[in-house]
Amino acid sequence: MEVSYNALKLDPKDNVAVALQRIREGEVVLISNFESNLVALEEIPYGHKISLHVINENEEIKKYGECIGKATNEIPTASHVHVHNVRGLNENERLEIINHVMGD
């Protein structure tokens, strides 16, 4: 039987998945490349992110295996992850990531 996923985890290091369609509050989230299903705590618009576990305040948001921002507050499992609870990286944080990747 073929499974119809409504979200996709893009990289093993990611702590978010991407909604492949609008996910309604209370809907089961079937996530490709993830070991378990979640139940959405709120609506997740198409193309937006959903947390795969609790993300602590100031924790890195990982998508594509890379840090794309930091949580501005604790984000519960199966919650919408977007501009209302994520901030971009400041210059020093971006430089730290670049230096880490380059091995300096």
PDB file of N, CA and C in Angstrom:
ATOM      1  N   MET A   1       0.833  -1.188   0.000  1.00  0.00           N
ATOM      2  CA  MET A   1       0.000   0.000   0.000  1.00  0.00           C
ATOM      3  C   MET A   1       0.878   1.251   0.000  1.00  0.00           C
ATOM      4  N   GLU A   2       0.607   2.174  -0.898  1.00  0.00           N
ATOM      5  CA  GLU A   2       1.371   3.399  -1.010  1.00  0.00           C
ATOM      6  C   GLU A   2       0.930   4.400   0.052  1.00  0.00           C
ATOM      7  N   VAL A   3       1.912   5.015   0.715  1.00  0.00           N
ATOM      8  CA  VAL A   3       1.638   6.021   1.744  1.00  0.00           C
ATOM      9  C   VAL A   3       1.602   7.393   1.081  1.00  0.00           C
ATOM     10  N   SER A   4       0.673   8.217   1.482  1.00  0.00           N
ATOM     11  CA  SER A   4       0.570   9.577   0.971  1.00  0.00           C
ATOM     12  C   SER A   4       1.064  10.537   2.054  1.00  0.00           C
ATOM     13  N   TYR A   5       2.287  11.004   1.890  1.00  0.00           N
ATOM     14  CA  TYR A   5       2.887  11.916   2.866  1.00  0.00           C
ATOM     15  C   TYR A   5       2.358  13.330   2.665  1.00  0.00           C
ATOM     16  N   ASN A   6       2.213  14.060   3.774  1.00  0.00           N
ATOM     17  CA  ASN A   6       1.829  15.459   3.670  1.00  0.00           C
ATOM     18  C   ASN A   6       2.927  16.399   4.177  1.00  0.00           C
ATOM     19  N   ALA A   7       4.091  15.827   4.518  1.00  0.00           N
ATOM     20  CA  ALA A   7       5.250  16.627   4.921  1.00  0.00           C
ATOM     21  C   ALA A   7       6.525  15.857   4.592  1.00  0.00           C
ATOM     22  N   LEU A   8       7.626  16.583   4.481  1.00  0.00           N
ATOM     23  CA  LEU A   8       8.898  15.989   4.083  1.00  0.00           C
ATOM     24  C   LEU A   8      10.025  16.521   4.951  1.00  0.00           C
ATOM     25  N   LYS A   9      10.785  15.606   5.541  1.00  0.00           N
ATOM     26  CA  LYS A   9      12.023  15.965   6.236  1.00  0.00           C
ATOM     27  C   LYS A   9      13.117  15.899   5.179  1.00  0.00           C
ATOM     28  N   LEU A  10      13.790  17.013   4.936  1.00  0.00           N
ATOM     29  CA  LEU A  10      14.716  17.109   3.815  1.00  0.00           C
ATOM     30  C   LEU A  10      16.100  16.531   4.091  1.00  0.00           C
ATOM     31  N   ASP A  11      16.541  16.539   5.342  1.00  0.00           N
ATOM     32  CA  ASP A  11      17.887  16.085   5.685  1.00  0.00           C
ATOM     33  C   ASP A  11      17.833  15.427   7.058  1.00  0.00           C
ATOM     34  N   PRO A  12      18.648  14.409   7.305  1.00  0.00           N
ATOM     35  CA  PRO A  12      18.628  13.737   8.619  1.00  0.00           C
ATOM     36  C   PRO A  12      18.890  14.666   9.805  1.00  0.00           C
ATOM     37  N   LYS A  13      19.611  15.775   9.601  1.00  0.00           N
ATOM     38  CA  LYS A  13      19.920  16.711  10.691  1.00  0.00           C
ATOM     39  C   LYS A  13      18.793  17.698  10.976  1.00  0.00           C
ATOM     40  N   ASP A  14      17.779  17.749  10.123  1.00  0.00           N
ATOM     41  CA  ASP A  14      16.702  18.735  10.263  1.00  0.00           C
ATOM     42  C   ASP A  14      15.863  18.507  11.524  1.00  0.00           C
ATOM     43  N   ASN A  15      15.406  19.620  12.131  1.00  0.00           N
ATOM     44  CA  ASN A  15      14.453  19.534  13.239  1.00  0.00           C
ATOM     45  C   ASN A  15      13.088  20.081  12.831  1.00  0.00           C
ATOM     46  N   VAL A  16      12.920  20.297  11.528  1.00  0.00           N
ATOM     47  CA  VAL A  16      11.635  20.693  10.950  1.00  0.00           C
ATOM     48  C   VAL A  16      11.377  19.872   9.689  1.00  0.00           C
ATOM     49  N   ALA A  17      10.112  19.780   9.327  1.00  0.00           N
ATOM     50  CA  ALA A  17       9.712  19.198   8.048  1.00  0.00           C
ATOM     51  C   ALA A  17       8.934  20.261   7.296  1.00  0.00           C
ATOM     52  N   VAL A  18       8.805  20.086   5.990  1.00  0.00           N
ATOM     53  CA  VAL A  18       8.103  21.042   5.138  1.00  0.00           C
ATOM     54  C   VAL A  18       6.739  20.463   4.763  1.00  0.00           C
ATOM     55  N   ALA A  19       5.704  21.267   4.918  1.00  0.00           N
ATOM     56  CA  ALA A  19       4.350  20.834   4.575  1.00  0.00           C
ATOM     57  C   ALA A  19       4.204  20.760   3.051  1.00  0.00           C
ATOM     58  N   LEU A  20       3.788  19.599   2.555  1.00  0.00           N
ATOM     59  CA  LEU A  20       3.584  19.396   1.120  1.00  0.00           C
ATOM     60  C   LEU A  20       2.182  19.805   0.680  1.00  0.00           C
ATOM     61  N   GLN A  21       1.361  20.155   1.642  1.00  0.00           N
ATOM     62  CA  GLN A  21       0.006  20.660   1.413  1.00  0.00           C
ATOM     63  C   GLN A  21      -0.408  21.360   2.698  1.00  0.00           C
ATOM     64  N   ARG A  22      -1.533  22.048   2.674  1.00  0.00           N
ATOM     65  CA  ARG A  22      -2.007  22.670   3.917  1.00  0.00           C
ATOM     66  C   ARG A  22      -2.353  21.553   4.897  1.00  0.00           C
ATOM     67  N   ILE A  23      -1.861  21.682   6.108  1.00  0.00           N
ATOM     68  CA  ILE A  23      -2.138  20.708   7.165  1.00  0.00           C
ATOM     69  C   ILE A  23      -3.016  21.407   8.188  1.00  0.00           C
ATOM     70  N   ARG A  24      -4.155  20.821   8.462  1.00  0.00           N
ATOM     71  CA  ARG A  24      -5.100  21.424   9.404  1.00  0.00           C
ATOM     72  C   ARG A  24      -4.745  21.064  10.848  1.00  0.00           C
ATOM     73  N   GLU A  25      -5.127  21.928  11.775  1.00  0.00           N
ATOM     74  CA  GLU A  25      -4.956  21.644  13.201  1.00  0.00           C
ATOM     75  C   GLU A  25      -5.624  20.303  13.513  1.00  0.00           C
ATOM     76  N   GLY A  26      -4.910  19.431  14.234  1.00  0.00           N
ATOM     77  CA  GLY A  26      -5.440  18.128  14.620  1.00  0.00           C
ATOM     78  C   GLY A  26      -5.242  17.037  13.576  1.00  0.00           C
ATOM     79  N   GLU A  27      -4.747  17.401  12.401  1.00  0.00           N
ATOM     80  CA  GLU A  27      -4.515  16.429  11.328  1.00  0.00           C
ATOM     81  C   GLU A  27      -3.245  15.625  11.600  1.00  0.00           C
ATOM     82  N   VAL A  28      -3.284  14.343  11.271  1.00  0.00           N
ATOM     83  CA  VAL A  28      -2.092  13.509  11.377  1.00  0.00           C
ATOM     84  C   VAL A  28      -1.108  13.938  10.291  1.00  0.00           C
ATOM     85  N   VAL A  29       0.144  14.129  10.685  1.00  0.00           N
ATOM     86  CA  VAL A  29       1.187  14.544   9.749  1.00  0.00           C
ATOM     87  C   VAL A  29       2.033  13.315   9.433  1.00  0.00           C
ATOM     88  N   LEU A  30       1.950  12.864   8.199  1.00  0.00           N
ATOM     89  CA  LEU A  30       2.734  11.730   7.719  1.00  0.00           C
ATOM     90  C   LEU A  30       3.972  12.294   7.054  1.00  0.00           C
ATOM     91  N   ILE A  31       5.133  12.057   7.659  1.00  0.00           N
ATOM     92  CA  ILE A  31       6.362  12.729   7.260  1.00  0.00           C
ATOM     93  C   ILE A  31       7.309  11.746   6.582  1.00  0.00           C
ATOM     94  N   SER A  32       7.617  12.031   5.321  1.00  0.00           N
ATOM     95  CA  SER A  32       8.601  11.233   4.596  1.00  0.00           C
ATOM     96  C   SER A  32       9.973  11.454   5.237  1.00  0.00           C
ATOM     97  N   ASN A  33      10.736  10.391   5.395  1.00  0.00           N
ATOM     98  CA  ASN A  33      12.083  10.426   5.978  1.00  0.00           C
ATOM     99  C   ASN A  33      12.084  10.721   7.481  1.00  0.00           C
ATOM    100  N   PHE A  34      10.986  10.382   8.169  1.00  0.00           N
ATOM    101  CA  PHE A  34      10.901  10.575   9.619  1.00  0.00           C
ATOM    102  C   PHE A  34      10.265   9.338  10.220  1.00  0.00           C
ATOM    103  N   GLU A  35      10.733   8.950  11.384  1.00  0.00           N
ATOM    104  CA  GLU A  35      10.366   7.664  11.977  1.00  0.00           C
ATOM    105  C   GLU A  35       8.976   7.593  12.598  1.00  0.00           C
ATOM    106  N   SER A  36       8.327   8.718  12.818  1.00  0.00           N
ATOM    107  CA  SER A  36       6.998   8.656  13.435  1.00  0.00           C
ATOM    108  C   SER A  36       6.093   9.744  12.856  1.00  0.00           C
ATOM    109  N   ASN A  37       4.809   9.602  13.116  1.00  0.00           N
ATOM    110  CA  ASN A  37       3.827  10.599  12.679  1.00  0.00           C
ATOM    111  C   ASN A  37       3.549  11.560  13.827  1.00  0.00           C
ATOM    112  N   LEU A  38       3.084  12.738  13.496  1.00  0.00           N
ATOM    113  CA  LEU A  38       2.722  13.754  14.481  1.00  0.00           C
ATOM    114  C   LEU A  38       1.274  14.155  14.264  1.00  0.00           C
ATOM    115  N   VAL A  39       0.710  14.853  15.227  1.00  0.00           N
ATOM    116  CA  VAL A  39      -0.606  15.460  15.067  1.00  0.00           C
ATOM    117  C   VAL A  39      -0.395  16.968  15.184  1.00  0.00           C
ATOM    118  N   ALA A  40      -0.738  17.693  14.139  1.00  0.00           N
ATOM    119  CA  ALA A  40      -0.485  19.138  14.079  1.00  0.00           C
ATOM    120  C   ALA A  40      -1.220  19.880  15.202  1.00  0.00           C
ATOM    121  N   LEU A  41      -0.483  20.703  15.930  1.00  0.00           N
ATOM    122  CA  LEU A  41      -1.078  21.503  17.004  1.00  0.00           C
ATOM    123  C   LEU A  41      -1.812  22.728  16.471  1.00  0.00           C
ATOM    124  N   GLU A  42      -1.498  23.099  15.238  1.00  0.00           N
ATOM    125  CA  GLU A  42      -2.119  24.263  14.608  1.00  0.00           C
ATOM    126  C   GLU A  42      -2.025  24.085  13.101  1.00  0.00           C
ATOM    127  N   GLU A  43      -2.704  24.940  12.366  1.00  0.00           N
ATOM    128  CA  GLU A  43      -2.627  24.840  10.909  1.00  0.00           C
ATOM    129  C   GLU A  43      -1.219  25.163  10.430  1.00  0.00           C
ATOM    130  N   ILE A  44      -0.744  24.382   9.468  1.00  0.00           N
ATOM    131  CA  ILE A  44       0.556  24.605   8.846  1.00  0.00           C
ATOM    132  C   ILE A  44       0.294  24.873   7.363  1.00  0.00           C
ATOM    133  N   PRO A  45       0.507  26.093   6.891  1.00  0.00           N
ATOM    134  CA  PRO A  45       0.268  26.383   5.476  1.00  0.00           C
ATOM    135  C   PRO A  45       1.223  25.600   4.563  1.00  0.00           C
ATOM    136  N   TYR A  46       0.785  25.383   3.334  1.00  0.00           N
ATOM    137  CA  TYR A  46       1.610  24.718   2.329  1.00  0.00           C
ATOM    138  C   TYR A  46       2.975  25.408   2.225  1.00  0.00           C
ATOM    139  N   GLY A  47       4.039  24.607   2.235  1.00  0.00           N
ATOM    140  CA  GLY A  47       5.388  25.138   2.086  1.00  0.00           C
ATOM    141  C   GLY A  47       6.020  25.637   3.369  1.00  0.00           C
ATOM    142  N   HIS A  48       5.251  25.703   4.459  1.00  0.00           N
ATOM    143  CA  HIS A  48       5.797  26.165   5.734  1.00  0.00           C
ATOM    144  C   HIS A  48       6.361  24.974   6.512  1.00  0.00           C
ATOM    145  N   LYS A  49       7.001  25.274   7.618  1.00  0.00           N
ATOM    146  CA  LYS A  49       7.683  24.253   8.405  1.00  0.00           C
ATOM    147  C   LYS A  49       6.858  23.838   9.627  1.00  0.00           C
ATOM    148  N   ILE A  50       7.071  22.570  10.027  1.00  0.00           N
ATOM    149  CA  ILE A  50       6.473  22.020  11.242  1.00  0.00           C
ATOM    150  C   ILE A  50       7.605  21.445  12.085  1.00  0.00           C
ATOM    151  N   SER A  51       7.563  21.687  13.393  1.00  0.00           N
ATOM    152  CA  SER A  51       8.629  21.198  14.283  1.00  0.00           C
ATOM    153  C   SER A  51       8.495  19.695  14.495  1.00  0.00           C
ATOM    154  N   LEU A  52       9.631  19.006  14.469  1.00  0.00           N
ATOM    155  CA  LEU A  52       9.655  17.554  14.638  1.00  0.00           C
ATOM    156  C   LEU A  52       9.827  17.140  16.091  1.00  0.00           C
ATOM    157  N   HIS A  53      10.259  18.064  16.919  1.00  0.00           N
ATOM    158  CA  HIS A  53      10.378  17.855  18.370  1.00  0.00           C
ATOM    159  C   HIS A  53      10.347  19.233  19.013  1.00  0.00           C
ATOM    160  N   VAL A  54      10.376  19.296  20.319  1.00  0.00           N
ATOM    161  CA  VAL A  54      10.427  20.593  20.992  1.00  0.00           C
ATOM    162  C   VAL A  54      11.728  21.287  20.574  1.00  0.00           C
ATOM    163  N   ILE A  55      11.594  22.524  20.144  1.00  0.00           N
ATOM    164  CA  ILE A  55      12.754  23.345  19.806  1.00  0.00           C
ATOM    165  C   ILE A  55      12.844  24.428  20.866  1.00  0.00           C
ATOM    166  N   ASN A  56      13.930  24.436  21.603  1.00  0.00           N
ATOM    167  CA  ASN A  56      14.093  25.388  22.706  1.00  0.00           C
ATOM    168  C   ASN A  56      14.388  26.794  22.207  1.00  0.00           C
ATOM    169  N   GLU A  57      14.064  27.780  23.042  1.00  0.00           N
ATOM    170  CA  GLU A  57      14.382  29.165  22.716  1.00  0.00           C
ATOM    171  C   GLU A  57      15.860  29.284  22.386  1.00  0.00           C
ATOM    172  N   ASN A  58      16.177  29.977  21.312  1.00  0.00           N
ATOM    173  CA  ASN A  58      17.531  30.237  20.829  1.00  0.00           C
ATOM    174  C   ASN A  58      18.190  29.011  20.177  1.00  0.00           C
ATOM    175  N   GLU A  59      17.460  27.891  20.080  1.00  0.00           N
ATOM    176  CA  GLU A  59      17.994  26.710  19.395  1.00  0.00           C
ATOM    177  C   GLU A  59      17.966  26.945  17.883  1.00  0.00           C
ATOM    178  N   GLU A  60      18.948  26.390  17.198  1.00  0.00           N
ATOM    179  CA  GLU A  60      19.003  26.515  15.748  1.00  0.00           C
ATOM    180  C   GLU A  60      17.832  25.784  15.087  1.00  0.00           C
ATOM    181  N   ILE A  61      17.288  26.406  14.056  1.00  0.00           N
ATOM    182  CA  ILE A  61      16.290  25.771  13.200  1.00  0.00           C
ATOM    183  C   ILE A  61      17.081  25.173  12.038  1.00  0.00           C
ATOM    184  N   LYS A  62      16.972  23.869  11.871  1.00  0.00           N
ATOM    185  CA  LYS A  62      17.744  23.179  10.829  1.00  0.00           C
ATOM    186  C   LYS A  62      16.815  22.720   9.706  1.00  0.00           C
ATOM    187  N   LYS A  63      17.132  23.173   8.492  1.00  0.00           N
ATOM    188  CA  LYS A  63      16.438  22.773   7.265  1.00  0.00           C
ATOM    189  C   LYS A  63      17.524  22.594   6.215  1.00  0.00           C
ATOM    190  N   TYR A  64      17.408  21.591   5.392  1.00  0.00           N
ATOM    191  CA  TYR A  64      18.461  21.228   4.426  1.00  0.00           C
ATOM    192  C   TYR A  64      19.743  20.825   5.143  1.00  0.00           C
ATOM    193  N   GLY A  65      19.649  20.474   6.433  1.00  0.00           N
ATOM    194  CA  GLY A  65      20.833  20.125   7.205  1.00  0.00           C
ATOM    195  C   GLY A  65      21.626  21.326   7.677  1.00  0.00           C
ATOM    196  N   GLU A  66      21.114  22.524   7.438  1.00  0.00           N
ATOM    197  CA  GLU A  66      21.820  23.763   7.779  1.00  0.00           C
ATOM    198  C   GLU A  66      20.962  24.636   8.688  1.00  0.00           C
ATOM    199  N   CYS A  67      21.631  25.477   9.460  1.00  0.00           N
ATOM    200  CA  CYS A  67      20.932  26.430  10.320  1.00  0.00           C
ATOM    201  C   CYS A  67      20.352  27.547   9.453  1.00  0.00           C
ATOM    202  N   ILE A  68      19.034  27.746   9.547  1.00  0.00           N
ATOM    203  CA  ILE A  68      18.381  28.812   8.784  1.00  0.00           C
ATOM    204  C   ILE A  68      17.862  29.935   9.686  1.00  0.00           C
ATOM    205  N   GLY A  69      18.050  29.778  10.993  1.00  0.00           N
ATOM    206  CA  GLY A  69      17.594  30.779  11.946  1.00  0.00           C
ATOM    207  C   GLY A  69      17.592  30.198  13.343  1.00  0.00           C
ATOM    208  N   LYS A  70      17.100  30.976  14.290  1.00  0.00           N
ATOM    209  CA  LYS A  70      17.019  30.533  15.682  1.00  0.00           C
ATOM    210  C   LYS A  70      15.631  30.795  16.232  1.00  0.00           C
ATOM    211  N   ALA A  71      15.195  29.912  17.120  1.00  0.00           N
ATOM    212  CA  ALA A  71      13.876  30.040  17.737  1.00  0.00           C
ATOM    213  C   ALA A  71      13.855  31.243  18.675  1.00  0.00           C
ATOM    214  N   THR A  72      12.797  32.032  18.592  1.00  0.00           N
ATOM    215  CA  THR A  72      12.666  33.194  19.473  1.00  0.00           C
ATOM    216  C   THR A  72      11.974  32.841  20.784  1.00  0.00           C
ATOM    217  N   ASN A  73      11.378  31.650  20.831  1.00  0.00           N
ATOM    218  CA  ASN A  73      10.755  31.125  22.050  1.00  0.00           C
ATOM    219  C   ASN A  73      10.682  29.606  21.879  1.00  0.00           C
ATOM    220  N   GLU A  74      10.277  28.905  22.928  1.00  0.00           N
ATOM    221  CA  GLU A  74      10.143  27.448  22.807  1.00  0.00           C
ATOM    222  C   GLU A  74       9.037  27.124  21.805  1.00  0.00           C
ATOM    223  N   ILE A  75       9.329  26.189  20.915  1.00  0.00           N
ATOM    224  CA  ILE A  75       8.364  25.776  19.898  1.00  0.00           C
ATOM    225  C   ILE A  75       7.994  24.327  20.190  1.00  0.00           C
ATOM    226  N   PRO A  76       6.745  24.053  20.559  1.00  0.00           N
ATOM    227  CA  PRO A  76       6.340  22.674  20.868  1.00  0.00           C
ATOM    228  C   PRO A  76       6.401  21.766  19.629  1.00  0.00           C
ATOM    229  N   THR A  77       6.533  20.486  19.866  1.00  0.00           N
ATOM    230  CA  THR A  77       6.478  19.492  18.797  1.00  0.00           C
ATOM    231  C   THR A  77       5.198  19.658  18.006  1.00  0.00           C
ATOM    232  N   ALA A  78       5.297  19.530  16.685  1.00  0.00           N
ATOM    233  CA  ALA A  78       4.149  19.576  15.756  1.00  0.00           C
ATOM    234  C   ALA A  78       3.539  20.967  15.621  1.00  0.00           C
ATOM    235  N   SER A  79       4.360  22.009  15.844  1.00  0.00           N
ATOM    236  CA  SER A  79       3.895  23.395  15.736  1.00  0.00           C
ATOM    237  C   SER A  79       4.412  24.046  14.458  1.00  0.00           C
ATOM    238  N   HIS A  80       3.720  25.105  14.065  1.00  0.00           N
ATOM    239  CA  HIS A  80       4.104  25.913  12.914  1.00  0.00           C
ATOM    240  C   HIS A  80       5.404  26.646  13.235  1.00  0.00           C
ATOM    241  N   VAL A  81       6.383  26.540  12.351  1.00  0.00           N
ATOM    242  CA  VAL A  81       7.671  27.218  12.515  1.00  0.00           C
ATOM    243  C   VAL A  81       7.780  28.223  11.380  1.00  0.00           C
ATOM    244  N   HIS A  82       7.771  29.516  11.744  1.00  0.00           N
ATOM    245  CA  HIS A  82       7.782  30.565  10.724  1.00  0.00           C
ATOM    246  C   HIS A  82       8.273  31.858  11.367  1.00  0.00           C
ATOM    247  N   VAL A  83       8.078  32.978  10.711  1.00  0.00           N
ATOM    248  CA  VAL A  83       8.630  34.256  11.168  1.00  0.00           C
ATOM    249  C   VAL A  83       8.126  34.698  12.538  1.00  0.00           C
ATOM    250  N   HIS A  84       7.000  34.159  13.002  1.00  0.00           N
ATOM    251  CA  HIS A  84       6.468  34.559  14.308  1.00  0.00           C
ATOM    252  C   HIS A  84       7.242  33.916  15.464  1.00  0.00           C
ATOM    253  N   ASN A  85       8.071  32.889  15.186  1.00  0.00           N
ATOM    254  CA  ASN A  85       8.840  32.240  16.260  1.00  0.00           C
ATOM    255  C   ASN A  85      10.268  31.892  15.846  1.00  0.00           C
ATOM    256  N   VAL A  86      10.749  32.498  14.760  1.00  0.00           N
ATOM    257  CA  VAL A  86      12.121  32.290  14.281  1.00  0.00           C
ATOM    258  C   VAL A  86      12.708  33.642  13.900  1.00  0.00           C
ATOM    259  N   ARG A  87      13.973  33.818  14.209  1.00  0.00           N
ATOM    260  CA  ARG A  87      14.679  35.034  13.771  1.00  0.00           C
ATOM    261  C   ARG A  87      15.855  34.619  12.894  1.00  0.00           C
ATOM    262  N   GLY A  88      16.243  35.517  12.021  1.00  0.00           N
ATOM    263  CA  GLY A  88      17.427  35.287  11.198  1.00  0.00           C
ATOM    264  C   GLY A  88      18.683  35.359  12.043  1.00  0.00           C
ATOM    265  N   LEU A  89      19.762  34.922  11.467  1.00  0.00           N
ATOM    266  CA  LEU A  89      21.048  34.946  12.157  1.00  0.00           C
ATOM    267  C   LEU A  89      21.690  36.322  12.032  1.00  0.00           C
ATOM    268  N   ASN A  90      22.370  36.744  13.106  1.00  0.00           N
ATOM    269  CA  ASN A  90      23.113  37.996  13.012  1.00  0.00           C
ATOM    270  C   ASN A  90      24.471  37.719  12.363  1.00  0.00           C
ATOM    271  N   GLU A  91      25.210  38.747  12.074  1.00  0.00           N
ATOM    272  CA  GLU A  91      26.480  38.603  11.343  1.00  0.00           C
ATOM    273  C   GLU A  91      27.459  37.670  12.061  1.00  0.00           C
ATOM    274  N   ASN A  92      27.586  37.817  13.379  1.00  0.00           N
ATOM    275  CA  ASN A  92      28.517  36.957  14.121  1.00  0.00           C
ATOM    276  C   ASN A  92      28.094  35.491  14.066  1.00  0.00           C
ATOM    277  N   GLU A  93      26.789  35.230  14.164  1.00  0.00           N
ATOM    278  CA  GLU A  93      26.305  33.847  14.089  1.00  0.00           C
ATOM    279  C   GLU A  93      26.560  33.250  12.708  1.00  0.00           C
ATOM    280  N   ARG A  94      26.354  34.040  11.665  1.00  0.00           N
ATOM    281  CA  ARG A  94      26.638  33.553  10.309  1.00  0.00           C
ATOM    282  C   ARG A  94      28.119  33.249  10.143  1.00  0.00           C
ATOM    283  N   LEU A  95      28.978  34.121  10.666  1.00  0.00           N
ATOM    284  CA  LEU A  95      30.422  33.900  10.575  1.00  0.00           C
ATOM    285  C   LEU A  95      30.846  32.649  11.339  1.00  0.00           C
ATOM    286  N   GLU A  96      30.246  32.414  12.510  1.00  0.00           N
ATOM    287  CA  GLU A  96      30.547  31.205  13.278  1.00  0.00           C
ATOM    288  C   GLU A  96      30.221  29.954  12.469  1.00  0.00           C
ATOM    289  N   ILE A  97      29.079  29.961  11.795  1.00  0.00           N
ATOM    290  CA  ILE A  97      28.678  28.812  10.982  1.00  0.00           C
ATOM    291  C   ILE A  97      29.644  28.627   9.818  1.00  0.00           C
ATOM    292  N   ILE A  98      29.979  29.714   9.147  1.00  0.00           N
ATOM    293  CA  ILE A  98      30.912  29.625   8.013  1.00  0.00           C
ATOM    294  C   ILE A  98      32.252  29.099   8.484  1.00  0.00           C
ATOM    295  N   ASN A  99      32.759  29.609   9.599  1.00  0.00           N
ATOM    296  CA  ASN A  99      34.059  29.156  10.119  1.00  0.00           C
ATOM    297  C   ASN A  99      33.997  27.686  10.530  1.00  0.00           C
ATOM    298  N   HIS A 100      32.876  27.267  11.111  1.00  0.00           N
ATOM    299  CA  HIS A 100      32.719  25.865  11.493  1.00  0.00           C
ATOM    300  C   HIS A 100      32.736  24.959  10.266  1.00  0.00           C
ATOM    301  N   VAL A 101      32.014  25.357   9.218  1.00  0.00           N
ATOM    302  CA  VAL A 101      31.943  24.575   7.988  1.00  0.00           C
ATOM    303  C   VAL A 101      33.314  24.514   7.315  1.00  0.00           C
ATOM    304  N   MET A 102      34.042  25.637   7.348  1.00  0.00           N
ATOM    305  CA  MET A 102      35.356  25.695   6.694  1.00  0.00           C
ATOM    306  C   MET A 102      36.434  25.006   7.527  1.00  0.00           C
ATOM    307  N   GLY A 103      36.100  24.654   8.776  1.00  0.00           N
ATOM    308  CA  GLY A 103      37.060  23.948   9.621  1.00  0.00           C
ATOM    309  C   GLY A 103      38.063  24.823  10.334  1.00  0.00           C
ATOM    310  N   ASP A 104      37.796  26.103  10.394  1.00  0.00           N
ATOM    311  CA  ASP A 104      38.724  27.027  11.075  1.00  0.00           C
ATOM    312  C   ASP A 104      38.529  26.980  12.563  1.00  0.00           C
TER     313      ASP A 104
END
